[in-house]
Protein backbone atom coordinates (compact mmCIF):
# COMPACT_ATOMS: atom_id res chain seq x y z
CA MET A 1 -21.12 -18.01 8.92
CA THR A 2 -22.79 -20.26 11.52
CA ALA A 3 -20.79 -23.29 11.52
CA CYS A 4 -19.14 -24.27 14.73
CA VAL A 5 -15.29 -24.39 12.91
CA ASP A 6 -12.42 -22.07 13.24
CA LEU A 7 -11.88 -19.77 10.41
CA ASP A 8 -8.15 -19.63 9.11
CA LEU A 9 -7.63 -16.46 8.88
CA SER A 10 -3.80 -17.16 8.15
CA PRO A 11 -3.73 -19.05 4.93
CA LYS A 12 -0.27 -20.80 5.03
CA SER A 13 -0.99 -20.93 1.00
CA GLN A 14 -0.20 -16.89 0.69
CA GLY A 15 1.74 -13.95 2.33
CA SER A 16 -0.09 -12.34 5.34
CA SER A 17 1.03 -10.27 7.90
CA GLU A 18 0.82 -13.38 10.38
CA ASN A 19 2.84 -15.67 8.36
CA TRP A 20 5.30 -13.07 6.44
CA TYR A 21 8.93 -12.28 7.29
CA SER A 22 9.96 -15.45 8.55
CA THR A 23 12.14 -16.77 5.49
CA GLU A 24 15.06 -15.01 3.95
CA GLN A 25 13.48 -14.46 0.92
CA GLU A 26 10.49 -12.80 2.44
CA LEU A 27 12.68 -10.23 4.57
CA GLN A 28 14.57 -9.61 1.23
CA LEU A 29 11.68 -8.77 -0.74
CA SER A 30 10.14 -6.61 2.41
CA LEU A 31 13.37 -4.77 2.60
CA ASN A 32 13.37 -4.35 -1.21
CA ALA A 33 10.34 -2.02 -0.87
CA LEU A 34 12.37 0.41 1.09
CA TYR A 35 14.96 0.84 -2.42
CA ASN A 36 11.72 2.36 -4.00
CA PRO A 37 12.96 5.51 -5.35
CA THR A 38 9.31 6.99 -4.51
CA LEU A 39 10.08 7.09 -0.69
CA TRP A 40 13.38 8.64 -1.64
CA ASN A 41 10.91 11.93 -2.63
CA PHE A 42 13.16 14.69 -2.58
CA GLU A 43 16.36 12.87 -3.72
CA CYS A 44 14.50 11.09 -6.77
CA ASN A 45 11.19 11.99 -7.22
CA ARG A 46 12.33 14.23 -10.62
CA LEU A 47 15.57 14.83 -12.42
CA PHE A 48 17.35 17.51 -10.37
CA HIS A 49 14.41 17.87 -7.74
CA THR A 50 15.97 20.14 -5.03
CA ASP A 51 18.18 22.06 -7.56
CA ARG A 52 15.47 23.50 -8.81
CA TYR A 53 15.08 25.33 -5.50
CA SER A 54 18.57 26.74 -5.69
CA ASP A 55 20.71 29.53 -7.21
CA ASP A 56 22.65 26.70 -9.55
CA TRP A 57 18.89 26.70 -11.75
CA SER A 58 17.56 28.66 -14.54
CA GLN A 59 14.33 27.68 -16.32
CA ARG A 60 13.31 30.31 -18.96
CA THR A 61 10.63 32.34 -16.97
CA GLU A 62 9.64 29.56 -14.58
CA LEU A 63 9.96 29.76 -10.65
CA TYR A 64 9.15 26.83 -8.47
CA ASP A 65 6.85 27.58 -5.78
CA TRP A 66 9.32 27.10 -3.11
CA LEU A 67 11.45 29.79 -4.63
CA ALA A 68 8.66 32.13 -4.87
CA GLY A 69 7.71 32.08 -1.55
CA ASN A 70 4.36 30.41 -2.06
CA VAL A 71 4.76 27.57 0.05
CA ALA A 72 1.68 27.31 2.39
CA ASP A 73 0.26 24.65 5.02
CA ASP A 74 -1.54 22.55 2.02
CA TRP A 75 1.77 22.39 -0.22
CA ALA A 76 1.83 19.26 -2.42
CA LYS A 77 5.61 18.58 -1.96
CA ALA A 78 5.49 18.74 1.92
CA LYS A 79 2.41 16.19 2.06
CA ASN A 80 4.26 14.12 -0.17
CA GLU A 81 7.40 14.19 1.65
CA TRP A 82 5.52 13.58 5.16
CA ALA A 83 3.88 10.65 3.50
CA ASN A 84 6.40 8.68 1.78
CA ASP A 85 8.93 9.02 4.56
CA TYR A 86 6.35 7.90 7.48
CA LYS A 87 5.53 5.19 4.84
CA GLY A 88 9.30 3.85 4.95
CA ILE A 89 9.39 4.08 8.45
CA ALA A 90 6.54 2.20 8.92
CA ARG A 91 7.40 -0.61 6.67
CA ALA A 92 11.33 -0.54 8.21
CA ASN A 93 9.40 -0.52 11.72
CA THR A 94 7.40 -3.67 10.40
CA VAL A 95 10.50 -5.55 9.55
CA LEU A 96 11.96 -4.94 12.90
CA ASN A 97 9.02 -6.07 15.14
CA SER A 98 8.69 -9.08 13.10
CA LEU A 99 12.10 -10.41 13.00
CA ASP A 100 11.50 -13.09 15.81
CA LYS A 101 9.46 -15.08 13.32
CA ALA A 102 12.43 -15.47 11.19
CA LYS A 103 15.00 -16.25 14.18
CA GLU A 104 14.23 -20.11 13.83
CA HIS A 105 14.73 -20.55 10.15
CA LEU A 106 18.02 -18.09 9.64
CA SER A 107 21.02 -17.51 11.45
CA ASP A 108 21.57 -14.71 14.03
CA ALA A 109 24.26 -13.05 11.93
CA ILE A 110 21.74 -12.91 9.05
CA VAL A 111 18.93 -11.45 11.00
CA GLN A 112 21.21 -9.14 12.40
CA GLN A 113 22.00 -8.10 9.03
CA TYR A 114 18.42 -7.24 7.89
CA ALA A 115 17.64 -5.70 11.11
CA GLY A 116 20.96 -3.25 10.37
CA GLU A 117 19.63 -2.65 6.74
CA ALA A 118 15.90 -1.76 8.19
CA LYS A 119 17.58 0.60 10.62
CA PHE A 120 19.44 2.20 8.02
CA PHE A 121 16.20 3.17 6.25
CA ARG A 122 14.29 4.22 9.33
CA ALA A 123 17.12 6.42 10.27
CA SER A 124 17.48 8.06 6.70
CA PHE A 125 13.65 9.30 6.76
CA TYR A 126 13.75 10.20 10.12
CA MET A 127 16.87 12.21 9.09
CA TYR A 128 14.78 14.01 6.20
CA LEU A 129 11.86 14.55 8.03
CA ILE A 130 13.72 16.84 11.48
CA ASN A 131 15.67 18.18 8.31
CA LEU A 132 12.71 19.63 6.38
CA PHE A 133 10.01 19.84 9.45
CA GLY A 134 11.82 20.29 12.27
CA ASP A 135 10.29 18.42 15.73
CA VAL A 136 7.90 15.44 14.20
CA PRO A 137 6.40 12.34 15.45
CA TYR A 138 8.78 9.72 16.39
CA TYR A 139 7.70 6.00 16.89
CA THR A 140 9.50 2.78 16.60
CA SER A 141 6.80 0.12 17.63
CA ASP A 142 3.92 -0.72 15.63
CA ILE A 143 1.06 1.80 16.28
CA SER A 144 -2.57 1.67 16.26
CA LEU A 145 -4.48 4.65 14.26
CA GLU A 146 -5.95 5.42 17.49
CA GLU A 147 -2.39 6.00 19.04
CA ALA A 148 -1.28 7.87 15.46
CA TYR A 149 -4.10 10.53 16.04
CA LYS A 150 -2.41 11.23 19.41
CA MET A 151 0.82 11.51 18.80
CA GLY A 152 2.63 14.94 18.79
CA ARG A 153 5.43 16.32 17.90
CA VAL A 154 9.05 15.05 19.39
CA ASP A 155 12.37 17.46 19.80
CA ARG A 156 14.00 16.88 16.95
CA TYR A 157 17.38 16.64 18.97
CA TYR A 158 16.06 13.61 20.79
CA ILE A 159 15.26 11.89 17.31
CA LEU A 160 18.68 13.01 16.01
CA ASP A 161 20.34 10.80 19.01
CA GLN A 162 17.86 8.02 17.93
CA ILE A 163 19.10 8.57 14.28
CA TYR A 164 22.61 8.11 15.34
CA GLN A 165 22.11 4.70 17.18
CA ASP A 166 20.39 3.37 14.54
CA PHE A 167 23.02 3.98 12.01
CA ASP A 168 25.54 2.79 14.56
CA ASP A 169 23.50 -0.35 15.17
CA ALA A 170 23.78 -0.68 10.92
CA ALA A 171 27.23 -0.08 10.43
CA ALA A 172 28.10 -2.71 13.35
CA VAL A 173 26.30 -5.51 11.37
CA LEU A 174 26.28 -4.62 8.01
CA PRO A 175 28.94 -6.12 5.38
CA VAL A 176 31.54 -3.67 3.88
CA SER A 177 30.72 -4.96 0.41
CA TYR A 178 28.38 -7.98 -1.26
CA SER A 179 29.60 -10.29 -4.07
CA GLY A 180 25.96 -9.77 -5.85
CA ALA A 181 23.12 -7.82 -5.74
CA GLN A 182 24.35 -4.45 -4.08
CA ARG A 183 22.66 -3.77 -0.94
CA VAL A 184 23.11 -0.98 1.78
CA THR A 185 26.53 -1.52 3.55
CA LYS A 186 28.58 -0.53 6.62
CA GLY A 187 30.11 2.36 4.65
CA ALA A 188 26.66 3.57 3.46
CA ALA A 189 25.68 3.79 7.13
CA LEU A 190 28.67 5.87 8.24
CA ALA A 191 28.52 8.06 5.39
CA MET A 192 24.63 8.79 5.78
CA LYS A 193 25.05 9.20 9.57
CA ALA A 194 27.75 11.80 8.77
CA ARG A 195 25.20 13.58 6.19
CA ALA A 196 22.89 13.77 8.88
CA ALA A 197 25.02 14.97 11.52
CA LEU A 198 25.98 17.68 8.84
CA LEU A 199 22.49 18.75 8.24
CA MET A 200 22.23 19.34 11.90
CA ASN A 201 25.60 21.36 11.64
CA ASP A 202 26.93 18.38 14.69
CA TRP A 203 30.55 18.83 13.09
CA ALA A 204 32.19 16.30 15.54
CA THR A 205 29.75 13.49 14.89
CA CYS A 206 29.91 14.58 11.30
CA ALA A 207 33.79 14.27 11.34
CA ALA A 208 33.88 11.07 13.09
CA ALA A 209 31.65 8.93 10.83
CA ALA A 210 32.98 10.70 7.71
CA LYS A 211 36.33 9.52 8.59
CA ALA A 212 35.34 5.86 9.68
CA CYS A 213 33.93 5.70 6.14
CA MET A 214 37.00 6.76 4.66
CA ASP A 215 39.22 4.46 7.02
CA LEU A 216 37.17 1.51 5.83
CA GLY A 217 39.86 1.43 2.81
CA VAL A 218 36.99 0.55 -0.22
CA TYR A 219 35.70 4.06 -1.43
CA SER A 220 37.83 6.33 -3.86
CA LEU A 221 37.33 8.76 -6.73
CA HIS A 222 36.19 7.57 -9.89
CA PRO A 223 39.06 8.65 -12.51
CA ASP A 224 37.24 10.42 -14.71
CA TYR A 225 34.71 13.28 -13.23
CA ARG A 226 32.62 13.06 -16.50
CA GLU A 227 32.17 9.63 -16.79
CA LEU A 228 30.77 9.23 -12.93
CA PHE A 229 27.58 10.80 -14.09
CA LEU A 230 26.64 9.01 -17.37
CA SER A 231 24.37 5.73 -17.55
CA SER A 232 27.07 3.76 -18.65
CA CYS A 233 28.74 4.13 -15.14
CA LYS A 234 26.63 1.41 -13.34
CA THR A 235 28.96 0.63 -10.67
CA SER A 236 32.25 2.85 -9.52
CA PRO A 237 34.47 2.73 -6.01
CA GLU A 238 33.27 6.01 -5.57
CA LEU A 239 29.34 5.12 -5.25
CA ILE A 240 28.36 4.42 -1.87
CA PHE A 241 24.52 4.24 -2.09
CA ALA A 242 22.48 4.61 -5.21
CA LEU A 243 19.39 3.22 -6.19
CA PRO A 244 20.09 1.04 -9.36
CA CYS A 245 17.50 1.27 -12.68
CA SER A 246 17.11 -0.45 -15.98
CA ASN A 247 15.75 0.36 -18.86
CA GLU A 248 16.03 -3.42 -19.98
CA LEU A 249 13.70 -4.29 -16.85
CA LEU A 250 11.55 -0.79 -17.35
CA LYS A 251 12.40 0.71 -14.37
CA HIS A 252 13.96 4.11 -16.12
CA SER A 253 15.68 6.58 -13.67
CA TYR A 254 13.10 9.43 -15.19
CA GLY A 255 10.62 9.56 -17.77
CA GLU A 256 10.91 10.75 -21.37
CA ALA A 257 9.53 14.03 -20.80
CA ALA A 258 12.09 14.93 -18.22
CA THR A 259 15.20 14.06 -20.09
CA ARG A 260 14.13 15.84 -22.96
CA SER A 261 13.92 19.05 -20.87
CA PHE A 262 18.04 19.01 -20.70
CA TYR A 263 19.59 18.11 -23.68
CA PRO A 264 20.10 20.23 -26.63
CA ARG A 265 17.68 21.45 -29.09
CA ASN A 266 19.61 20.51 -32.24
CA ASN A 267 19.41 17.14 -30.94
CA GLY A 268 15.45 17.06 -30.44
CA GLY A 269 15.83 18.36 -27.04
CA THR A 270 13.97 21.46 -25.46
CA SER A 271 16.67 22.95 -23.33
CA VAL A 272 13.87 24.23 -20.89
CA ALA A 273 16.42 24.45 -17.69
CA GLN A 274 19.81 25.24 -17.56
CA PRO A 275 23.08 25.95 -14.81
CA SER A 276 22.53 29.48 -13.89
CA TRP A 277 25.04 32.27 -14.41
CA GLU A 278 25.84 32.38 -10.45
CA LEU A 279 26.85 28.74 -10.87
CA PHE A 280 29.11 29.44 -14.19
CA PHE A 281 30.72 32.32 -11.82
CA ALA A 282 31.20 30.11 -8.87
CA TYR A 283 34.08 27.99 -10.75
CA PRO A 284 37.41 29.55 -9.72
CA CYS A 285 40.31 30.19 -12.51
CA THR A 286 43.13 27.77 -12.77
CA ASP A 287 45.33 29.74 -10.57
CA GLY A 288 42.35 28.79 -7.83
CA LEU A 289 41.37 32.52 -7.59
CA PRO A 290 37.75 33.60 -8.24
CA VAL A 291 36.74 35.47 -11.46
CA GLU A 292 36.75 38.81 -9.71
CA GLU A 293 40.37 38.19 -8.76
CA SER A 294 41.84 36.30 -11.11
CA PRO A 295 43.86 38.14 -14.02
CA LEU A 296 43.54 34.77 -16.04
CA TYR A 297 39.72 35.44 -16.44
CA ASP A 298 38.71 36.58 -19.83
CA PRO A 299 35.74 37.69 -20.69
CA ALA A 300 35.77 37.38 -24.33
CA ASN A 301 36.63 33.73 -23.95
CA PRO A 302 34.99 32.92 -20.23
CA PHE A 303 35.64 28.96 -20.06
CA ALA A 304 39.25 29.56 -20.69
CA ASN A 305 41.66 29.24 -17.75
CA ARG A 306 38.74 27.99 -15.41
CA ASP A 307 38.49 25.13 -13.06
CA PRO A 308 37.78 22.03 -15.50
CA ARG A 309 34.55 20.86 -13.62
CA LEU A 310 32.96 24.14 -15.15
CA SER A 311 33.29 22.57 -18.86
CA GLU A 312 31.63 19.01 -17.26
CA ILE A 313 28.58 21.06 -15.68
CA THR A 314 27.90 23.11 -18.74
CA VAL A 315 28.87 22.89 -22.51
CA PRO A 316 31.73 25.40 -23.60
CA PHE A 317 30.93 27.41 -26.74
CA ASP A 318 32.67 26.30 -29.65
CA SER A 319 32.94 22.72 -28.84
CA GLU A 320 31.57 19.60 -29.89
CA PHE A 321 28.79 17.92 -27.74
CA MET A 322 26.57 15.14 -29.10
CA ASP A 323 27.93 15.23 -32.75
CA TYR A 324 27.23 19.36 -33.05
CA ILE A 325 29.42 22.29 -32.28
CA TYR A 326 27.68 24.27 -29.44
CA ASN A 327 27.52 27.57 -30.75
CA PRO A 328 25.27 30.11 -29.40
CA ARG A 329 26.52 32.98 -30.63
CA PRO A 330 23.72 35.26 -32.84
CA SER A 331 25.78 35.30 -35.85
CA ALA A 332 26.08 31.50 -35.79
CA LYS A 333 22.84 30.68 -37.55
CA THR A 334 24.38 27.43 -38.61
CA THR A 335 26.71 24.71 -36.81
CA LEU A 336 28.59 22.03 -37.93
CA GLN A 337 27.27 18.30 -37.53
CA VAL A 338 30.40 16.44 -36.99
CA SER A 339 29.45 13.03 -38.17
CA THR A 340 28.23 14.07 -41.39
CA GLY A 341 30.77 17.20 -41.82
CA ILE A 342 27.76 19.35 -42.79
CA MET A 343 26.60 22.90 -41.78
CA ALA A 344 23.11 22.25 -40.20
CA LYS A 345 20.57 24.56 -38.85
CA ASN A 346 21.49 25.91 -35.44
CA ASN A 347 18.60 25.33 -33.27
CA ASP A 348 20.60 26.49 -29.89
CA ASN A 349 21.08 30.09 -31.39
CA ARG A 350 18.51 32.21 -29.84
CA LEU A 351 17.91 34.17 -33.26
CA VAL A 352 16.92 30.60 -34.70
CA SER A 353 14.95 29.16 -32.15
CA LYS A 354 13.65 31.54 -29.28
CA ASP A 355 13.02 28.71 -27.01
CA CYS A 356 16.12 27.36 -26.74
CA SER A 357 18.57 28.29 -23.68
CA TYR A 358 17.37 31.67 -22.37
CA ASN A 359 20.99 32.55 -20.58
CA GLY A 360 23.06 30.81 -23.35
CA LEU A 361 24.21 28.10 -21.36
CA ILE A 362 23.25 24.06 -21.49
CA LEU A 363 23.36 21.30 -19.15
CA LYS A 364 26.34 18.83 -19.73
CA LYS A 365 26.64 16.82 -16.81
CA TYR A 366 24.67 13.32 -16.82
CA VAL A 367 24.02 14.07 -20.24
CA ASP A 368 24.95 11.92 -23.44
CA GLU A 369 23.40 9.91 -26.42
CA GLU A 370 21.78 7.36 -24.44
CA TRP A 371 19.17 10.20 -23.94
CA ILE A 372 18.13 10.69 -27.36
CA ASP A 373 17.05 7.82 -28.76
CA ASP A 374 14.01 6.68 -26.57
CA ARG A 375 14.44 9.57 -24.40
CA LEU A 376 14.80 7.62 -21.38
CA THR A 377 17.68 6.75 -19.25
CA ASP A 378 19.02 3.97 -16.31
CA THR A 379 21.16 6.19 -14.91
CA PRO A 380 21.71 4.99 -11.07
CA GLN A 381 20.19 7.58 -8.85
CA ARG A 382 22.93 8.35 -6.66
CA ILE A 383 22.46 9.29 -3.13
CA LEU A 384 25.86 9.07 -1.64
CA ARG A 385 29.28 9.08 -3.14
CA TYR A 386 32.63 9.02 -1.94
CA GLY A 387 33.44 13.04 -3.03
CA ASP A 388 30.78 13.91 -0.86
CA VAL A 389 32.36 12.17 2.14
CA LEU A 390 35.72 13.82 1.71
CA LEU A 391 33.80 17.24 1.51
CA MET A 392 31.63 16.37 4.56
CA TYR A 393 35.11 15.28 6.42
CA ALA A 394 36.68 19.02 5.36
CA GLU A 395 33.98 21.04 6.30
CA SER A 396 33.33 19.45 9.72
CA LYS A 397 36.85 19.75 10.63
CA MET A 398 37.32 23.10 9.32
CA GLU A 399 34.53 24.42 11.57
CA MET A 400 35.75 22.67 14.54
CA ASN A 401 39.05 24.98 13.41
CA GLN A 402 41.07 21.46 13.40
CA ILE A 403 42.75 22.44 9.90
CA ASP A 404 45.02 19.91 9.08
CA GLN A 405 47.07 17.88 6.42
CA THR A 406 43.66 15.26 6.43
CA VAL A 407 41.77 18.18 5.45
CA PHE A 408 43.89 19.50 2.61
CA ASP A 409 44.43 16.02 1.30
CA ALA A 410 40.65 15.64 1.32
CA LEU A 411 39.91 18.81 -0.64
CA ASN A 412 42.79 18.56 -3.09
CA SER A 413 42.19 14.57 -4.03
CA LEU A 414 38.67 16.37 -5.42
CA ARG A 415 40.74 19.17 -7.52
CA ALA A 416 43.52 16.99 -8.62
CA ARG A 417 40.96 14.41 -10.10
CA ALA A 418 39.22 17.40 -11.62
CA TYR A 419 42.88 18.30 -13.29
CA LYS A 420 43.67 14.68 -14.40
CA CYS A 421 46.72 14.38 -12.20
CA GLY A 422 47.76 13.10 -8.98
CA LEU A 423 47.10 14.56 -5.20
CA GLY A 424 51.25 15.26 -5.18
CA GLU A 425 51.59 16.47 -8.56
CA THR A 426 50.82 20.34 -7.10
CA SER A 427 52.24 22.09 -10.11
CA LYS A 428 49.15 20.86 -12.04
CA TYR A 429 46.06 22.28 -10.30
CA PRO A 430 45.46 24.86 -7.71
CA ALA A 431 46.28 23.06 -3.99
CA ILE A 432 44.05 24.38 -1.31
CA THR A 433 46.72 25.34 1.43
CA GLU A 434 44.43 28.20 3.53
CA THR A 435 44.67 27.50 7.19
CA ASN A 436 42.48 30.68 8.29
CA GLN A 437 39.14 29.04 9.25
CA THR A 438 37.13 32.31 7.83
CA ALA A 439 38.68 32.26 4.17
CA LEU A 440 38.83 28.43 4.52
CA ARG A 441 35.25 28.41 4.92
CA ARG A 442 34.37 30.35 1.99
CA ILE A 443 36.59 27.73 -0.08
CA ILE A 444 35.12 24.84 1.13
CA ARG A 445 31.52 26.19 0.26
CA ASN A 446 32.30 27.11 -3.09
CA GLU A 447 34.24 24.00 -3.62
CA ARG A 448 31.09 21.89 -2.40
CA ARG A 449 28.96 23.94 -5.02
CA CYS A 450 31.34 23.29 -7.89
CA GLU A 451 32.11 19.54 -7.13
CA LEU A 452 28.46 18.39 -6.56
CA ALA A 453 26.69 20.77 -8.86
CA TRP A 454 22.87 19.52 -9.58
CA GLU A 455 23.12 16.58 -7.35
CA ASN A 456 20.46 17.54 -5.21
CA ARG A 457 22.83 18.93 -2.36
CA ARG A 458 23.24 22.57 -3.04
CA TRP A 459 19.70 23.51 -1.85
CA PHE A 460 20.21 21.28 1.70
CA ASP A 461 23.38 23.44 2.24
CA LEU A 462 21.81 26.92 1.48
CA ILE A 463 19.02 25.54 4.40
CA ARG A 464 21.70 24.37 7.12
CA TRP A 465 24.13 27.50 6.24
CA ARG A 466 20.87 29.84 6.65
CA ILE A 467 21.97 31.99 3.60
CA CYS A 468 18.95 31.74 1.33
CA GLU A 469 17.76 35.37 1.68
CA PRO A 470 21.27 37.01 -0.23
CA CYS A 471 20.68 34.68 -3.12
CA LEU A 472 17.35 33.39 -3.38
CA THR A 473 15.85 36.77 -3.24
CA ALA A 474 17.84 38.18 -6.39
CA PRO A 475 16.86 38.05 -9.90
CA ILE A 476 17.46 35.20 -12.09
CA TYR A 477 19.11 37.16 -15.29
CA GLY A 478 19.30 35.84 -19.03
CA LEU A 479 20.43 37.17 -22.34
CA PRO A 480 18.63 40.42 -23.83
CA ALA A 481 16.46 40.70 -26.70
CA ASN A 482 17.92 39.35 -30.05
CA ALA A 483 18.51 42.35 -31.61
CA GLN A 484 20.82 43.61 -28.72
CA ILE A 485 22.67 40.39 -28.59
CA GLU A 486 23.75 41.11 -31.99
CA LYS A 487 25.14 44.42 -31.40
CA ASN A 488 26.93 43.27 -28.40
CA GLU A 489 28.55 40.66 -30.53
CA ALA A 490 30.03 43.39 -32.42
CA THR A 491 32.03 44.57 -29.61
CA GLY A 492 33.66 41.16 -28.98
CA TYR A 493 31.86 40.50 -26.01
CA TRP A 494 28.47 38.99 -26.86
CA ILE A 495 27.53 37.09 -23.69
CA TRP A 496 28.98 39.66 -21.06
CA PRO A 497 30.38 42.91 -21.08
CA LYS A 498 33.83 43.30 -20.93
CA ASP A 499 34.18 44.85 -17.23
CA PHE A 500 31.61 42.95 -15.86
CA ARG A 501 32.73 40.78 -12.53
CA PRO A 502 30.62 39.09 -10.35
CA HIS A 503 32.00 38.76 -6.84
CA MET A 504 31.87 36.03 -4.11
CA ARG A 505 30.17 37.10 -0.82
CA ALA A 506 31.45 36.60 2.45
CA ASP A 507 29.01 33.61 3.07
CA SER A 508 30.40 32.29 -0.44
CA THR A 509 27.26 32.70 -2.44
CA ILE A 510 27.78 34.74 -5.91
CA ASP A 511 26.34 38.41 -6.71
CA ILE A 512 26.00 39.10 -10.13
CA SER A 513 23.80 41.99 -9.45
CA ASP A 514 26.42 44.46 -10.97
CA ILE A 515 24.83 43.02 -14.27
CA GLU A 516 22.33 45.57 -13.72
CA ASN A 517 24.84 48.54 -14.66
CA TYR A 518 25.05 47.01 -18.03
CA PRO A 519 21.39 46.95 -19.30
CA ASP A 520 22.30 45.72 -22.74
CA TYR A 521 23.66 42.54 -21.45
CA ARG A 522 20.70 41.08 -19.26
CA LEU A 523 17.04 40.61 -19.11
CA VAL A 524 15.18 39.85 -15.84
CA ASN A 525 13.76 36.38 -16.78
CA VAL A 526 12.04 36.03 -13.29
CA GLN A 527 12.47 37.30 -9.76
CA ARG A 528 13.18 34.94 -6.94
CA ALA A 529 11.17 35.55 -3.83
CA PHE A 530 12.16 33.20 -0.86
CA VAL A 531 10.69 33.91 2.57
CA PRO A 532 12.54 32.95 5.71
CA ARG A 533 9.68 30.68 7.45
CA GLN A 534 10.33 28.46 4.39
CA TYR A 535 13.33 27.23 6.13
CA LEU A 536 11.13 24.59 7.85
CA PHE A 537 8.57 22.97 5.84
CA PRO A 538 4.73 23.62 7.00
CA ILE A 539 3.18 20.45 8.79
CA PRO A 540 0.74 19.52 6.24
CA GLN A 541 -2.64 20.55 7.32
CA ASN A 542 -4.42 17.40 6.47
CA GLU A 543 -2.28 15.67 8.86
CA ARG A 544 -3.28 18.38 11.69
CA VAL A 545 -6.69 17.80 10.65
CA VAL A 546 -6.73 14.48 12.07
CA CYS A 547 -3.93 14.87 14.62
CA PRO A 548 -4.57 18.04 16.60
CA MET A 549 -1.64 17.22 18.57
CA LEU A 550 0.58 18.34 15.85
CA THR A 551 1.47 21.99 16.07
CA GLN A 552 2.08 23.96 12.95
CA ASN A 553 5.64 25.57 12.27
CA PRO A 554 6.12 29.63 12.55
CA GLY A 555 4.52 31.78 9.85
CA TYR A 556 2.21 29.12 8.40
């Protein structure tokens, strides 16, 4: 300690903040950390994270805190989101502010590409912050703790402009595609800019960014809707930005307990959660009309004559799924195991197993045999796909009342894919042709719900449309007591009564409250209790303790 020599505080034999970020490998490793699913908290924290807060979800008598109106300023989910977003921002800023070290070793093109990649991530994390919290602290340089403690909240629309600039900068330098490992691309920057604009109802910016992504000509709809969501589909021309996973490398999408909650009890699952009745009735009939209007709806066979995507989100009754015939009817105490041809105990029947689906539906989207052997999945954690870009484009054009053929082509491409036919084969699917803005708004909002069901998009839509009150203060319904289900089956209408027709509100949400008129056909599993203050998250109290400049959002 007393020797008269200079201490080497930056040893060249190992990485440090002084000598890192000088080679391509070091930059790649630093940017790789921004792909960590932990940072993408509300997209990847758990299976169907935000869908649990939406009207697409039913989970026995469970009600998550946001949906129960129980969010306070110490809410763990808000604290985690705040911490992870700012962790990602700090990492991106550090890369951007250290690139000068690499300029003498790398070409300008490579340095600019990595700058674009870091700006993509910084903009994405700020996008979540302003959408969930409103005005937040904003910084792009390295700051000290003392400076951080003195920072207040910055107007979110100012931050939005900076987000747009970051995405523009990224799109200008990122490649359209990669030959090797997949990283963020020009298309990802454009699509995420469209999403940032969509979340803030900035229609002009959203339409322009979505159109620019579409015009790249490198994305297209995956030919098979079901296949797109299976773990076997690691790459697709529809995937724009996804976080890859690998069971072989012990990088699973989700853990054992998570997947088991969503596959059938006949296969060893628990069927803890399932699509809601509201989501079931959101899917139109094959004539394009909602259930309440269509003469094709058959209450005795409610899956018949419906949009094919209904049978991809939840398993149709009496159909084969994962080696068993799914039959939740009360009389079906046994069911066929297809591979053996033997009738087996039907654990997906409420009269056999009291803890099977509380509303008669089970999840089909994503679920396949891979979930069963070790209860692990390496399905890519999809954050952006081309189908969403088409919907963003159509909605923003509609909101500007610029309803033209490009809007119909975007929407009808998705419907044609669902019906497994070509865009021009309009005799094979119910093509959308509505030109009235109010009517088309309802159609597009419902189309988003059907196409993007259980993809962490519905909750964000409910918030930005400010329509949580009608649907998220209603009860979650399920099947009545077992003895009553048996009586109902004897009438020929075991799950819903013959005359029951849910209706679609003007805001596009599904109202099933008329089931109250049929007490023999329902139980209230749990009562939702959304409160309007939750349109914005609370600023975490622990942050406000150390930073008094941070004011709180109204109502907390």
